[in-house]
Structures are given as C-alpha cells and as structure tokens.
Full PDB file with SEQRES, HELIX, SHEET, SSBOND, CRYST1, ORIGX, SCALE, CONECT and MASTER records, all heavy atoms in Angstrom:
SEQRES   1 A   32  SER GLY SER VAL ALA GLU PRO ALA VAL LYS ARG PHE LEU          
SEQRES   2 A   32  THR GLU LEU ALA ARG GLU GLU LEU ILE VAL THR VAL ASN          
SEQRES   3 A   32  GLY SER LYS PRO ILE GLU                                      
HELIX    1 AA1 GLY A    2  ARG A   18  1                                  17    
CRYST1    1.000    1.000    1.000  90.00  90.00  90.00 P 1           1          
ORIGX1      1.000000  0.000000  0.000000        0.00000                         
ORIGX2      0.000000  1.000000  0.000000        0.00000                         
ORIGX3      0.000000  0.000000  1.000000        0.00000                         
SCALE1      1.000000  0.000000  0.000000        0.00000                         
SCALE2      0.000000  1.000000  0.000000        0.00000                         
SCALE3      0.000000  0.000000  1.000000        0.00000                         
ATOM      1  N   SER A   1      74.304  -9.268  68.144  1.00  0.00           N  
ATOM      2  CA  SER A   1      73.404  -9.069  67.003  1.00  0.00           C  
ATOM      3  C   SER A   1      72.020  -8.308  67.548  1.00  0.00           C  
ATOM      4  O   SER A   1      71.811  -8.249  68.706  1.00  0.00           O  
ATOM      5  CB  SER A   1      72.855 -10.403  66.524  1.00  0.00           C  
ATOM      6  OG  SER A   1      72.054 -11.067  67.416  1.00  0.00           O  
ATOM      7  N   GLY A   2      71.413  -7.768  66.642  1.00  0.00           N  
ATOM      8  CA  GLY A   2      70.143  -7.042  66.897  1.00  0.00           C  
ATOM      9  C   GLY A   2      69.074  -7.927  67.525  1.00  0.00           C  
ATOM     10  O   GLY A   2      68.427  -7.475  68.363  1.00  0.00           O  
ATOM     11  N   SER A   3      69.117  -9.202  67.104  1.00  0.00           N  
ATOM     12  CA  SER A   3      68.174 -10.125  67.729  1.00  0.00           C  
ATOM     13  C   SER A   3      68.479 -10.438  69.155  1.00  0.00           C  
ATOM     14  O   SER A   3      67.535 -10.736  69.960  1.00  0.00           O  
ATOM     15  CB  SER A   3      68.053 -11.489  66.960  1.00  0.00           C  
ATOM     16  OG  SER A   3      69.285 -12.106  67.049  1.00  0.00           O  
ATOM     17  N   VAL A   4      69.649 -10.334  69.601  1.00  0.00           N  
ATOM     18  CA  VAL A   4      70.073 -10.409  71.053  1.00  0.00           C  
ATOM     19  C   VAL A   4      69.693  -9.146  71.777  1.00  0.00           C  
ATOM     20  O   VAL A   4      69.182  -9.218  72.934  1.00  0.00           O  
ATOM     21  CB  VAL A   4      71.519 -10.761  71.117  1.00  0.00           C  
ATOM     22  CG1 VAL A   4      71.966 -10.735  72.656  1.00  0.00           C  
ATOM     23  CG2 VAL A   4      71.777 -12.180  70.596  1.00  0.00           C  
ATOM     24  N   ALA A   5      69.957  -8.049  71.274  1.00  0.00           N  
ATOM     25  CA  ALA A   5      69.751  -6.754  71.918  1.00  0.00           C  
ATOM     26  C   ALA A   5      68.321  -6.289  71.954  1.00  0.00           C  
ATOM     27  O   ALA A   5      67.877  -5.710  72.967  1.00  0.00           O  
ATOM     28  CB  ALA A   5      70.640  -5.673  71.314  1.00  0.00           C  
ATOM     29  N   GLU A   6      67.623  -6.640  70.962  1.00  0.00           N  
ATOM     30  CA  GLU A   6      66.210  -6.093  70.725  1.00  0.00           C  
ATOM     31  C   GLU A   6      65.215  -6.387  71.946  1.00  0.00           C  
ATOM     32  O   GLU A   6      64.664  -5.389  72.475  1.00  0.00           O  
ATOM     33  CB  GLU A   6      65.552  -6.747  69.546  1.00  0.00           C  
ATOM     34  CG  GLU A   6      64.227  -6.145  69.200  1.00  0.00           C  
ATOM     35  CD  GLU A   6      63.632  -6.666  67.863  1.00  0.00           C  
ATOM     36  OE1 GLU A   6      63.887  -7.776  67.601  1.00  0.00           O  
ATOM     37  OE2 GLU A   6      62.915  -5.901  67.255  1.00  0.00           O  
ATOM     38  N   PRO A   7      65.166  -7.590  72.526  1.00  0.00           N  
ATOM     39  CA  PRO A   7      64.175  -7.768  73.597  1.00  0.00           C  
ATOM     40  C   PRO A   7      64.560  -6.868  74.798  1.00  0.00           C  
ATOM     41  O   PRO A   7      63.625  -6.219  75.434  1.00  0.00           O  
ATOM     42  CB  PRO A   7      64.351  -9.172  73.952  1.00  0.00           C  
ATOM     43  CG  PRO A   7      64.857  -9.854  72.778  1.00  0.00           C  
ATOM     44  CD  PRO A   7      65.738  -8.815  72.074  1.00  0.00           C  
ATOM     45  N   ALA A   8      65.876  -6.710  75.099  1.00  0.00           N  
ATOM     46  CA  ALA A   8      66.271  -5.913  76.305  1.00  0.00           C  
ATOM     47  C   ALA A   8      66.002  -4.435  76.073  1.00  0.00           C  
ATOM     48  O   ALA A   8      65.488  -3.706  76.967  1.00  0.00           O  
ATOM     49  CB  ALA A   8      67.734  -6.197  76.644  1.00  0.00           C  
ATOM     50  N   VAL A   9      66.271  -3.954  74.936  1.00  0.00           N  
ATOM     51  CA  VAL A   9      66.105  -2.502  74.548  1.00  0.00           C  
ATOM     52  C   VAL A   9      64.539  -2.281  74.509  1.00  0.00           C  
ATOM     53  O   VAL A   9      64.118  -1.201  75.158  1.00  0.00           O  
ATOM     54  CB  VAL A   9      66.645  -2.193  73.097  1.00  0.00           C  
ATOM     55  CG1 VAL A   9      66.250  -0.803  72.730  1.00  0.00           C  
ATOM     56  CG2 VAL A   9      68.138  -2.298  73.178  1.00  0.00           C  
ATOM     57  N   LYS A  10      63.739  -3.053  74.010  1.00  0.00           N  
ATOM     58  CA  LYS A  10      62.281  -2.882  73.973  1.00  0.00           C  
ATOM     59  C   LYS A  10      61.702  -2.999  75.394  1.00  0.00           C  
ATOM     60  O   LYS A  10      60.766  -2.167  75.702  1.00  0.00           O  
ATOM     61  CB  LYS A  10      61.553  -3.876  73.041  1.00  0.00           C  
ATOM     62  CG  LYS A  10      61.866  -3.567  71.592  1.00  0.00           C  
ATOM     63  CD  LYS A  10      61.097  -4.459  70.707  1.00  0.00           C  
ATOM     64  CE  LYS A  10      61.232  -4.026  69.255  1.00  0.00           C  
ATOM     65  NZ  LYS A  10      60.492  -4.942  68.304  1.00  0.00           N  
ATOM     66  N   ARG A  11      62.247  -3.863  76.256  1.00  0.00           N  
ATOM     67  CA  ARG A  11      61.752  -3.918  77.593  1.00  0.00           C  
ATOM     68  C   ARG A  11      62.087  -2.651  78.385  1.00  0.00           C  
ATOM     69  O   ARG A  11      61.178  -2.092  79.142  1.00  0.00           O  
ATOM     70  CB  ARG A  11      62.276  -5.077  78.382  1.00  0.00           C  
ATOM     71  CG  ARG A  11      61.718  -6.377  78.221  1.00  0.00           C  
ATOM     72  CD  ARG A  11      62.127  -7.498  79.203  1.00  0.00           C  
ATOM     73  NE  ARG A  11      63.554  -7.728  79.210  1.00  0.00           N  
ATOM     74  CZ  ARG A  11      64.115  -8.519  78.439  1.00  0.00           C  
ATOM     75  NH1 ARG A  11      63.512  -9.236  77.501  1.00  0.00           N  
ATOM     76  NH2 ARG A  11      65.461  -8.669  78.494  1.00  0.00           N  
ATOM     77  N   PHE A  12      63.250  -2.077  78.092  1.00  0.00           N  
ATOM     78  CA  PHE A  12      63.709  -0.827  78.749  1.00  0.00           C  
ATOM     79  C   PHE A  12      62.778   0.247  78.296  1.00  0.00           C  
ATOM     80  O   PHE A  12      62.391   1.141  79.166  1.00  0.00           O  
ATOM     81  CB  PHE A  12      65.185  -0.608  78.437  1.00  0.00           C  
ATOM     82  CG  PHE A  12      65.703   0.678  79.237  1.00  0.00           C  
ATOM     83  CD1 PHE A  12      65.781   0.645  80.629  1.00  0.00           C  
ATOM     84  CD2 PHE A  12      66.035   1.720  78.540  1.00  0.00           C  
ATOM     85  CE1 PHE A  12      66.232   1.799  81.226  1.00  0.00           C  
ATOM     86  CE2 PHE A  12      66.544   2.807  79.157  1.00  0.00           C  
ATOM     87  CZ  PHE A  12      66.676   2.828  80.540  1.00  0.00           C  
ATOM     88  N   LEU A  13      62.603   0.404  76.953  1.00  0.00           N  
ATOM     89  CA  LEU A  13      61.751   1.421  76.417  1.00  0.00           C  
ATOM     90  C   LEU A  13      60.316   1.374  77.013  1.00  0.00           C  
ATOM     91  O   LEU A  13      59.727   2.411  77.291  1.00  0.00           O  
ATOM     92  CB  LEU A  13      61.783   1.446  74.904  1.00  0.00           C  
ATOM     93  CG  LEU A  13      63.073   1.776  74.205  1.00  0.00           C  
ATOM     94  CD1 LEU A  13      62.991   1.461  72.716  1.00  0.00           C  
ATOM     95  CD2 LEU A  13      63.466   3.215  74.469  1.00  0.00           C  
ATOM     96  N   THR A  14      59.810   0.154  77.182  1.00  0.00           N  
ATOM     97  CA  THR A  14      58.539  -0.015  77.696  1.00  0.00           C  
ATOM     98  C   THR A  14      58.493   0.432  79.269  1.00  0.00           C  
ATOM     99  O   THR A  14      57.529   1.088  79.598  1.00  0.00           O  
ATOM    100  CB  THR A  14      58.105  -1.553  77.659  1.00  0.00           C  
ATOM    101  OG1 THR A  14      58.117  -2.021  76.382  1.00  0.00           O  
ATOM    102  CG2 THR A  14      56.844  -1.740  78.380  1.00  0.00           C  
ATOM    103  N   GLU A  15      59.559   0.203  79.853  1.00  0.00           N  
ATOM    104  CA  GLU A  15      59.701   0.652  81.249  1.00  0.00           C  
ATOM    105  C   GLU A  15      59.657   2.146  81.377  1.00  0.00           C  
ATOM    106  O   GLU A  15      59.075   2.804  82.230  1.00  0.00           O  
ATOM    107  CB  GLU A  15      60.881   0.042  81.954  1.00  0.00           C  
ATOM    108  CG  GLU A  15      60.865   0.278  83.441  1.00  0.00           C  
ATOM    109  CD  GLU A  15      62.045  -0.503  84.170  1.00  0.00           C  
ATOM    110  OE1 GLU A  15      62.841  -1.045  83.518  1.00  0.00           O  
ATOM    111  OE2 GLU A  15      62.016  -0.527  85.402  1.00  0.00           O  
ATOM    112  N   LEU A  16      60.439   2.833  80.457  1.00  0.00           N  
ATOM    113  CA  LEU A  16      60.543   4.355  80.390  1.00  0.00           C  
ATOM    114  C   LEU A  16      59.136   4.865  80.083  1.00  0.00           C  
ATOM    115  O   LEU A  16      58.744   5.833  80.770  1.00  0.00           O  
ATOM    116  CB  LEU A  16      61.539   4.703  79.394  1.00  0.00           C  
ATOM    117  CG  LEU A  16      62.970   4.531  79.524  1.00  0.00           C  
ATOM    118  CD1 LEU A  16      63.851   4.938  78.396  1.00  0.00           C  
ATOM    119  CD2 LEU A  16      63.459   5.251  80.864  1.00  0.00           C  
ATOM    120  N   ALA A  17      58.412   4.235  79.197  1.00  0.00           N  
ATOM    121  CA  ALA A  17      56.978   4.723  78.914  1.00  0.00           C  
ATOM    122  C   ALA A  17      56.081   4.501  80.041  1.00  0.00           C  
ATOM    123  O   ALA A  17      55.245   5.419  80.353  1.00  0.00           O  
ATOM    124  CB  ALA A  17      56.470   3.955  77.621  1.00  0.00           C  
ATOM    125  N   ARG A  18      56.222   3.436  80.732  1.00  0.00           N  
ATOM    126  CA  ARG A  18      55.352   3.152  81.892  1.00  0.00           C  
ATOM    127  C   ARG A  18      55.562   4.174  83.022  1.00  0.00           C  
ATOM    128  O   ARG A  18      54.622   4.558  83.685  1.00  0.00           O  
ATOM    129  CB  ARG A  18      55.615   1.712  82.468  1.00  0.00           C  
ATOM    130  CG  ARG A  18      54.687   1.265  83.459  1.00  0.00           C  
ATOM    131  CD  ARG A  18      54.905  -0.213  83.931  1.00  0.00           C  
ATOM    132  NE  ARG A  18      55.148  -1.111  82.843  1.00  0.00           N  
ATOM    133  CZ  ARG A  18      56.321  -1.778  82.642  1.00  0.00           C  
ATOM    134  NH1 ARG A  18      57.322  -1.648  83.570  1.00  0.00           N  
ATOM    135  NH2 ARG A  18      56.487  -2.596  81.588  1.00  0.00           N  
ATOM    136  N   GLU A  19      56.757   4.688  83.136  1.00  0.00           N  
ATOM    137  CA  GLU A  19      57.116   5.672  84.133  1.00  0.00           C  
ATOM    138  C   GLU A  19      56.917   7.115  83.603  1.00  0.00           C  
ATOM    139  O   GLU A  19      57.186   8.104  84.307  1.00  0.00           O  
ATOM    140  CB  GLU A  19      58.599   5.510  84.566  1.00  0.00           C  
ATOM    141  CG  GLU A  19      58.897   4.267  85.377  1.00  0.00           C  
ATOM    142  CD  GLU A  19      58.208   4.202  86.712  1.00  0.00           C  
ATOM    143  OE1 GLU A  19      58.084   5.201  87.349  1.00  0.00           O  
ATOM    144  OE2 GLU A  19      57.779   3.056  87.122  1.00  0.00           O  
ATOM    145  N   GLU A  20      56.262   7.202  82.409  1.00  0.00           N  
ATOM    146  CA  GLU A  20      56.007   8.457  81.733  1.00  0.00           C  
ATOM    147  C   GLU A  20      57.180   9.367  81.491  1.00  0.00           C  
ATOM    148  O   GLU A  20      57.142  10.512  81.610  1.00  0.00           O  
ATOM    149  CB  GLU A  20      54.924   9.208  82.566  1.00  0.00           C  
ATOM    150  CG  GLU A  20      53.617   8.431  82.661  1.00  0.00           C  
ATOM    151  CD  GLU A  20      52.569   9.080  83.503  1.00  0.00           C  
ATOM    152  OE1 GLU A  20      52.796  10.148  84.134  1.00  0.00           O  
ATOM    153  OE2 GLU A  20      51.442   8.457  83.553  1.00  0.00           O  
ATOM    154  N   LEU A  21      58.290   8.721  81.163  1.00  0.00           N  
ATOM    155  CA  LEU A  21      59.566   9.467  80.782  1.00  0.00           C  
ATOM    156  C   LEU A  21      59.733   9.640  79.376  1.00  0.00           C  
ATOM    157  O   LEU A  21      60.430  10.542  78.994  1.00  0.00           O  
ATOM    158  CB  LEU A  21      60.754   8.710  81.471  1.00  0.00           C  
ATOM    159  CG  LEU A  21      60.815   8.581  82.979  1.00  0.00           C  
ATOM    160  CD1 LEU A  21      61.973   7.743  83.433  1.00  0.00           C  
ATOM    161  CD2 LEU A  21      60.560   9.838  83.685  1.00  0.00           C  
ATOM    162  N   ILE A  22      59.072   8.800  78.572  1.00  0.00           N  
ATOM    163  CA  ILE A  22      59.079   9.055  77.130  1.00  0.00           C  
ATOM    164  C   ILE A  22      57.641   8.694  76.645  1.00  0.00           C  
ATOM    165  O   ILE A  22      56.780   8.045  77.345  1.00  0.00           O  
ATOM    166  CB  ILE A  22      60.023   8.025  76.361  1.00  0.00           C  
ATOM    167  CG1 ILE A  22      59.622   6.525  76.669  1.00  0.00           C  
ATOM    168  CG2 ILE A  22      61.474   8.360  76.873  1.00  0.00           C  
ATOM    169  CD1 ILE A  22      60.470   5.524  75.826  1.00  0.00           C  
ATOM    170  N   VAL A  23      57.333   9.186  75.423  1.00  0.00           N  
ATOM    171  CA  VAL A  23      56.034   8.970  74.768  1.00  0.00           C  
ATOM    172  C   VAL A  23      56.299   8.821  73.277  1.00  0.00           C  
ATOM    173  O   VAL A  23      57.274   9.239  72.800  1.00  0.00           O  
ATOM    174  CB  VAL A  23      55.046  10.172  74.996  1.00  0.00           C  
ATOM    175  CG1 VAL A  23      54.610  10.344  76.434  1.00  0.00           C  
ATOM    176  CG2 VAL A  23      55.567  11.370  74.468  1.00  0.00           C  
ATOM    177  N   THR A  24      55.385   8.094  72.603  1.00  0.00           N  
ATOM    178  CA  THR A  24      55.507   7.886  71.205  1.00  0.00           C  
ATOM    179  C   THR A  24      55.167   9.144  70.504  1.00  0.00           C  
ATOM    180  O   THR A  24      54.321   9.955  70.980  1.00  0.00           O  
ATOM    181  CB  THR A  24      54.622   6.694  70.804  1.00  0.00           C  
ATOM    182  OG1 THR A  24      53.352   6.926  71.139  1.00  0.00           O  
ATOM    183  CG2 THR A  24      55.082   5.328  71.324  1.00  0.00           C  
ATOM    184  N   VAL A  25      55.610   9.276  69.307  1.00  0.00           N  
ATOM    185  CA  VAL A  25      55.381  10.488  68.429  1.00  0.00           C  
ATOM    186  C   VAL A  25      55.065  10.080  67.058  1.00  0.00           C  
ATOM    187  O   VAL A  25      55.354   8.927  66.648  1.00  0.00           O  
ATOM    188  CB  VAL A  25      56.530  11.458  68.451  1.00  0.00           C  
ATOM    189  CG1 VAL A  25      56.721  12.077  69.826  1.00  0.00           C  
ATOM    190  CG2 VAL A  25      57.756  10.889  68.012  1.00  0.00           C  
ATOM    191  N   ASN A  26      54.441  11.016  66.348  1.00  0.00           N  
ATOM    192  CA  ASN A  26      54.213  10.825  64.870  1.00  0.00           C  
ATOM    193  C   ASN A  26      53.462   9.583  64.523  1.00  0.00           C  
ATOM    194  O   ASN A  26      53.746   8.936  63.655  1.00  0.00           O  
ATOM    195  CB  ASN A  26      55.523  10.923  64.104  1.00  0.00           C  
ATOM    196  CG  ASN A  26      56.268  12.198  64.285  1.00  0.00           C  
ATOM    197  OD1 ASN A  26      55.693  13.198  64.386  1.00  0.00           O  
ATOM    198  ND2 ASN A  26      57.552  12.158  64.179  1.00  0.00           N  
ATOM    199  N   GLY A  27      52.503   9.307  65.329  1.00  0.00           N  
ATOM    200  CA  GLY A  27      51.661   8.194  65.089  1.00  0.00           C  
ATOM    201  C   GLY A  27      52.181   6.794  65.192  1.00  0.00           C  
ATOM    202  O   GLY A  27      51.676   5.798  64.777  1.00  0.00           O  
ATOM    203  N   SER A  28      53.373   6.645  65.878  1.00  0.00           N  
ATOM    204  CA  SER A  28      53.986   5.338  66.005  1.00  0.00           C  
ATOM    205  C   SER A  28      53.152   4.503  66.928  1.00  0.00           C  
ATOM    206  O   SER A  28      52.404   5.057  67.802  1.00  0.00           O  
ATOM    207  CB  SER A  28      55.413   5.429  66.380  1.00  0.00           C  
ATOM    208  OG  SER A  28      55.585   6.141  67.599  1.00  0.00           O  
ATOM    209  N   LYS A  29      53.369   3.192  66.997  1.00  0.00           N  
ATOM    210  CA  LYS A  29      52.535   2.372  67.866  1.00  0.00           C  
ATOM    211  C   LYS A  29      53.006   2.612  69.284  1.00  0.00           C  
ATOM    212  O   LYS A  29      54.211   2.920  69.610  1.00  0.00           O  
ATOM    213  CB  LYS A  29      52.649   0.934  67.494  1.00  0.00           C  
ATOM    214  CG  LYS A  29      54.018   0.338  67.513  1.00  0.00           C  
ATOM    215  CD  LYS A  29      53.979  -1.045  67.004  1.00  0.00           C  
ATOM    216  CE  LYS A  29      55.356  -1.732  66.889  1.00  0.00           C  
ATOM    217  NZ  LYS A  29      55.419  -3.026  66.270  1.00  0.00           N  
ATOM    218  N   PRO A  30      52.071   2.343  70.193  1.00  0.00           N  
ATOM    219  CA  PRO A  30      52.452   2.546  71.621  1.00  0.00           C  
ATOM    220  C   PRO A  30      53.567   1.644  72.092  1.00  0.00           C  
ATOM    221  O   PRO A  30      53.693   0.523  71.673  1.00  0.00           O  
ATOM    222  CB  PRO A  30      51.198   2.152  72.424  1.00  0.00           C  
ATOM    223  CG  PRO A  30      50.014   2.224  71.369  1.00  0.00           C  
ATOM    224  CD  PRO A  30      50.796   1.973  70.057  1.00  0.00           C  
ATOM    225  N   ILE A  31      54.488   2.243  72.848  1.00  0.00           N  
ATOM    226  CA  ILE A  31      55.690   1.503  73.306  1.00  0.00           C  
ATOM    227  C   ILE A  31      55.329   0.304  74.111  1.00  0.00           C  
ATOM    228  O   ILE A  31      56.036  -0.740  74.053  1.00  0.00           O  
ATOM    229  CB  ILE A  31      56.683   2.435  74.037  1.00  0.00           C  
ATOM    230  CG1 ILE A  31      57.308   3.387  73.045  1.00  0.00           C  
ATOM    231  CG2 ILE A  31      57.749   1.623  74.837  1.00  0.00           C  
ATOM    232  CD1 ILE A  31      58.201   4.413  73.667  1.00  0.00           C  
ATOM    233  N   GLU A  32      54.222   0.374  74.884  1.00  0.00           N  
ATOM    234  CA  GLU A  32      53.932  -0.810  75.725  1.00  0.00           C  
ATOM    235  C   GLU A  32      53.515  -2.039  74.900  1.00  0.00           C  
ATOM    236  O   GLU A  32      53.690  -3.233  75.333  1.00  0.00           O  
ATOM    237  CB  GLU A  32      52.569  -0.481  76.514  1.00  0.00           C  
ATOM    238  CG  GLU A  32      52.774   0.538  77.582  1.00  0.00           C  
ATOM    239  CD  GLU A  32      52.725   1.978  77.107  1.00  0.00           C  
ATOM    240  OE1 GLU A  32      52.375   2.173  75.917  1.00  0.00           O  
ATOM    241  OE2 GLU A  32      53.035   2.853  77.894  1.00  0.00           O  
TER     242      GLU A  32                                                      
MASTER        0    0    0    1    0    0    0    6  241    1    0    3          
END                                                                             
C-alpha cells in the first residue's frame, strides 16, 4: 500500500535533496 511505501520513498527523496541531487520545482514545498 501507499501508506507502507510512503515513509521510505519520502526519506529517500529527502536524502537525495540533502545531497543536492534533486531540488523542488514550481513552488512545491521543500523536500526536507
């Protein structure tokens, strides 16, 4: 389910942002 996958996906996206490999676009909230 999405509720099972969501925390892990969000943690990974946060880590990518922390390493400056991705950034948010179009006024979306910061990944951190």
